[in-house]
Amino acid sequence: MLVTIGSMTTAERLARIIERSTGNPVAVVHTPASINKGGCSYSVRFNDRYENDARRLIREYNIPAKRFYREGWNGAERVYHDIS
């Protein structure tokens, strides 16, 4: 799962919060070009099973998240489904 965020600082903050809350690894990555709506954007990538935790933490910490995407594969191509 990816959550798009506008800045690296905010993405890193969200990653630390989710990681601390779930005890599972979280990564900050550049938002893939196929879903980037322009400008500089970063995403927080984590396991889909923590979606509800992430949504709760985003509200609780008032983090300006943009969109939620579920990741999948179409052959060898990674695809993203907007579930915001």
N, C-alpha and C. Protein backbone atom coordinates (compact mmCIF):
# COMPACT_ATOMS: atom_id res chain seq x y z
N MET A 1 0.84 -1.16 0.00
CA MET A 1 0.00 0.00 0.00
C MET A 1 0.89 1.22 0.00
N LEU A 2 0.42 2.27 -0.69
CA LEU A 2 1.12 3.55 -0.71
C LEU A 2 0.17 4.64 -0.24
N VAL A 3 0.72 5.58 0.52
CA VAL A 3 0.02 6.80 0.88
C VAL A 3 0.88 7.93 0.34
N THR A 4 0.33 8.77 -0.51
CA THR A 4 1.11 9.87 -1.07
C THR A 4 1.08 11.06 -0.11
N ILE A 5 2.24 11.69 -0.01
CA ILE A 5 2.48 12.79 0.92
C ILE A 5 3.22 13.89 0.15
N GLY A 6 3.00 15.14 0.50
CA GLY A 6 3.60 16.25 -0.23
C GLY A 6 5.06 16.53 0.05
N SER A 7 5.56 16.14 1.21
CA SER A 7 6.96 16.47 1.52
C SER A 7 7.69 15.28 2.13
N MET A 8 8.98 15.29 1.96
CA MET A 8 9.83 14.23 2.51
C MET A 8 9.75 14.22 4.03
N THR A 9 9.77 15.39 4.65
CA THR A 9 9.74 15.48 6.12
C THR A 9 8.46 14.85 6.67
N THR A 10 7.33 15.18 6.06
CA THR A 10 6.05 14.63 6.53
C THR A 10 5.98 13.14 6.26
N ALA A 11 6.50 12.69 5.12
CA ALA A 11 6.51 11.26 4.80
C ALA A 11 7.35 10.50 5.82
N GLU A 12 8.52 11.03 6.17
CA GLU A 12 9.38 10.38 7.16
C GLU A 12 8.69 10.34 8.53
N ARG A 13 8.00 11.41 8.88
CA ARG A 13 7.28 11.45 10.15
C ARG A 13 6.20 10.38 10.19
N LEU A 14 5.40 10.29 9.11
CA LEU A 14 4.35 9.29 9.06
C LEU A 14 4.93 7.88 9.10
N ALA A 15 6.02 7.65 8.39
CA ALA A 15 6.65 6.33 8.39
C ALA A 15 7.07 5.93 9.80
N ARG A 16 7.68 6.85 10.53
CA ARG A 16 8.09 6.55 11.91
C ARG A 16 6.88 6.23 12.79
N ILE A 17 5.82 7.00 12.63
CA ILE A 17 4.62 6.79 13.44
C ILE A 17 4.00 5.42 13.16
N ILE A 18 3.86 5.07 11.89
CA ILE A 18 3.26 3.78 11.53
C ILE A 18 4.16 2.64 11.99
N GLU A 19 5.46 2.77 11.76
CA GLU A 19 6.41 1.72 12.16
C GLU A 19 6.38 1.50 13.67
N ARG A 20 6.37 2.59 14.42
CA ARG A 20 6.34 2.50 15.88
C ARG A 20 5.03 1.86 16.36
N SER A 21 3.93 2.20 15.71
CA SER A 21 2.61 1.69 16.11
C SER A 21 2.41 0.22 15.76
N THR A 22 2.89 -0.19 14.59
CA THR A 22 2.64 -1.56 14.12
C THR A 22 3.79 -2.51 14.39
N GLY A 23 5.00 -1.97 14.56
CA GLY A 23 6.17 -2.82 14.75
C GLY A 23 6.64 -3.47 13.46
N ASN A 24 6.18 -2.97 12.32
CA ASN A 24 6.56 -3.53 11.03
C ASN A 24 7.26 -2.49 10.18
N PRO A 25 8.11 -2.97 9.25
CA PRO A 25 8.88 -2.04 8.43
C PRO A 25 8.00 -1.20 7.51
N VAL A 26 8.40 0.05 7.34
CA VAL A 26 7.72 1.01 6.48
C VAL A 26 8.81 1.72 5.69
N ALA A 27 8.53 2.07 4.43
CA ALA A 27 9.53 2.73 3.60
C ALA A 27 8.99 4.04 3.05
N VAL A 28 9.88 5.02 2.92
CA VAL A 28 9.55 6.26 2.24
C VAL A 28 10.17 6.16 0.84
N VAL A 29 9.35 6.37 -0.19
CA VAL A 29 9.80 6.26 -1.58
C VAL A 29 9.30 7.46 -2.38
N HIS A 30 9.94 7.71 -3.52
CA HIS A 30 9.41 8.71 -4.45
C HIS A 30 8.09 8.17 -4.98
N THR A 31 7.11 9.03 -5.11
CA THR A 31 5.83 8.60 -5.67
C THR A 31 6.06 8.18 -7.12
N PRO A 32 5.57 6.99 -7.50
CA PRO A 32 5.74 6.53 -8.87
C PRO A 32 5.13 7.52 -9.88
N ALA A 33 5.80 7.68 -11.00
CA ALA A 33 5.36 8.64 -12.02
C ALA A 33 3.93 8.38 -12.49
N SER A 34 3.51 7.14 -12.52
CA SER A 34 2.17 6.81 -13.02
C SER A 34 1.05 7.35 -12.13
N ILE A 35 1.35 7.69 -10.87
CA ILE A 35 0.32 8.22 -9.98
C ILE A 35 0.64 9.60 -9.45
N ASN A 36 1.80 10.13 -9.81
CA ASN A 36 2.20 11.46 -9.34
C ASN A 36 1.39 12.51 -10.09
N LYS A 37 0.68 13.33 -9.36
CA LYS A 37 -0.20 14.34 -9.97
C LYS A 37 0.53 15.66 -10.22
N GLY A 38 1.83 15.61 -10.31
CA GLY A 38 2.60 16.82 -10.58
C GLY A 38 3.35 17.28 -9.35
N GLY A 39 4.49 17.87 -9.57
CA GLY A 39 5.29 18.38 -8.46
C GLY A 39 6.04 17.27 -7.75
N CYS A 40 6.72 17.66 -6.72
CA CYS A 40 7.51 16.72 -5.93
C CYS A 40 6.58 16.00 -4.95
N SER A 41 6.68 14.71 -4.90
CA SER A 41 5.81 13.95 -4.01
C SER A 41 6.54 12.71 -3.52
N TYR A 42 6.25 12.35 -2.29
CA TYR A 42 6.81 11.14 -1.70
C TYR A 42 5.66 10.27 -1.23
N SER A 43 5.95 9.02 -1.06
CA SER A 43 4.94 8.08 -0.59
C SER A 43 5.50 7.25 0.54
N VAL A 44 4.59 6.80 1.38
CA VAL A 44 4.93 5.88 2.45
C VAL A 44 4.37 4.52 2.05
N ARG A 45 5.25 3.52 1.99
CA ARG A 45 4.85 2.17 1.57
C ARG A 45 4.85 1.26 2.79
N PHE A 46 3.75 0.50 2.94
CA PHE A 46 3.63 -0.43 4.06
C PHE A 46 2.68 -1.55 3.66
N ASN A 47 2.63 -2.59 4.48
CA ASN A 47 1.79 -3.74 4.22
C ASN A 47 0.31 -3.34 4.27
N ASP A 48 -0.46 -3.87 3.33
CA ASP A 48 -1.89 -3.56 3.23
C ASP A 48 -2.66 -3.81 4.53
N ARG A 49 -2.22 -4.77 5.31
CA ARG A 49 -2.99 -5.11 6.52
C ARG A 49 -2.99 -3.99 7.56
N TYR A 50 -2.14 -2.98 7.37
CA TYR A 50 -2.08 -1.86 8.32
C TYR A 50 -2.81 -0.61 7.81
N GLU A 51 -3.64 -0.79 6.80
CA GLU A 51 -4.38 0.34 6.23
C GLU A 51 -5.22 1.06 7.29
N ASN A 52 -6.00 0.33 8.06
CA ASN A 52 -6.85 0.96 9.08
C ASN A 52 -6.02 1.69 10.13
N ASP A 53 -4.90 1.08 10.54
CA ASP A 53 -4.01 1.74 11.49
C ASP A 53 -3.46 3.04 10.90
N ALA A 54 -3.03 2.99 9.64
CA ALA A 54 -2.47 4.17 8.99
C ALA A 54 -3.50 5.29 8.89
N ARG A 55 -4.72 4.95 8.50
CA ARG A 55 -5.77 5.97 8.39
C ARG A 55 -6.05 6.60 9.76
N ARG A 56 -6.09 5.79 10.79
CA ARG A 56 -6.34 6.30 12.14
C ARG A 56 -5.21 7.22 12.58
N LEU A 57 -3.97 6.79 12.35
CA LEU A 57 -2.81 7.59 12.76
C LEU A 57 -2.72 8.90 11.99
N ILE A 58 -3.07 8.88 10.72
CA ILE A 58 -3.07 10.10 9.91
C ILE A 58 -4.06 11.11 10.48
N ARG A 59 -5.24 10.62 10.87
CA ARG A 59 -6.23 11.52 11.49
C ARG A 59 -5.74 12.00 12.85
N GLU A 60 -5.24 11.06 13.64
CA GLU A 60 -4.82 11.36 15.01
C GLU A 60 -3.69 12.39 15.05
N TYR A 61 -2.74 12.27 14.14
CA TYR A 61 -1.58 13.17 14.11
C TYR A 61 -1.77 14.33 13.11
N ASN A 62 -2.95 14.41 12.51
CA ASN A 62 -3.27 15.49 11.59
C ASN A 62 -2.23 15.62 10.47
N ILE A 63 -1.94 14.49 9.82
CA ILE A 63 -0.94 14.46 8.75
C ILE A 63 -1.65 14.67 7.41
N PRO A 64 -1.15 15.60 6.60
CA PRO A 64 -1.80 15.91 5.33
C PRO A 64 -1.50 14.88 4.23
N ALA A 65 -2.13 13.72 4.34
CA ALA A 65 -1.97 12.68 3.33
C ALA A 65 -2.82 13.03 2.11
N LYS A 66 -2.34 12.66 0.94
CA LYS A 66 -3.07 12.99 -0.29
C LYS A 66 -4.00 11.85 -0.71
N ARG A 67 -3.43 10.71 -1.08
CA ARG A 67 -4.22 9.59 -1.62
C ARG A 67 -3.67 8.27 -1.09
N PHE A 68 -4.54 7.26 -1.08
CA PHE A 68 -4.17 5.89 -0.73
C PHE A 68 -4.24 5.04 -1.99
N TYR A 69 -3.24 4.19 -2.19
CA TYR A 69 -3.20 3.29 -3.34
C TYR A 69 -2.87 1.87 -2.89
N ARG A 70 -3.57 0.93 -3.47
CA ARG A 70 -3.23 -0.48 -3.28
C ARG A 70 -2.38 -0.87 -4.48
N GLU A 71 -1.29 -1.58 -4.21
CA GLU A 71 -0.37 -1.97 -5.28
C GLU A 71 -0.68 -3.38 -5.77
N GLY A 72 -0.47 -3.58 -7.04
CA GLY A 72 -0.66 -4.90 -7.62
C GLY A 72 0.27 -5.07 -8.82
N TRP A 73 0.13 -6.18 -9.48
CA TRP A 73 0.96 -6.46 -10.65
C TRP A 73 0.08 -6.83 -11.83
N ASN A 74 0.47 -6.35 -13.00
CA ASN A 74 -0.14 -6.73 -14.27
C ASN A 74 1.00 -7.28 -15.11
N GLY A 75 1.21 -8.58 -14.99
CA GLY A 75 2.40 -9.18 -15.60
C GLY A 75 3.62 -8.71 -14.84
N ALA A 76 4.54 -8.06 -15.55
CA ALA A 76 5.76 -7.55 -14.91
C ALA A 76 5.63 -6.08 -14.52
N GLU A 77 4.48 -5.49 -14.78
CA GLU A 77 4.28 -4.06 -14.50
C GLU A 77 3.54 -3.86 -13.18
N ARG A 78 4.07 -2.99 -12.35
CA ARG A 78 3.40 -2.65 -11.08
C ARG A 78 2.29 -1.66 -11.39
N VAL A 79 1.10 -1.92 -10.84
CA VAL A 79 -0.04 -1.04 -11.06
C VAL A 79 -0.58 -0.57 -9.71
N TYR A 80 -1.28 0.56 -9.73
CA TYR A 80 -1.76 1.19 -8.51
C TYR A 80 -3.25 1.46 -8.65
N HIS A 81 -4.01 1.11 -7.60
CA HIS A 81 -5.45 1.31 -7.59
C HIS A 81 -5.78 2.31 -6.48
N ASP A 82 -6.36 3.43 -6.88
CA ASP A 82 -6.71 4.49 -5.93
C ASP A 82 -7.86 4.00 -5.04
N ILE A 83 -7.65 3.97 -3.74
CA ILE A 83 -8.69 3.55 -2.79
C ILE A 83 -8.94 4.65 -1.75
N SER A 84 -8.64 5.87 -2.13
CA SER A 84 -8.76 7.01 -1.19
C SER A 84 -10.13 7.17 -0.60
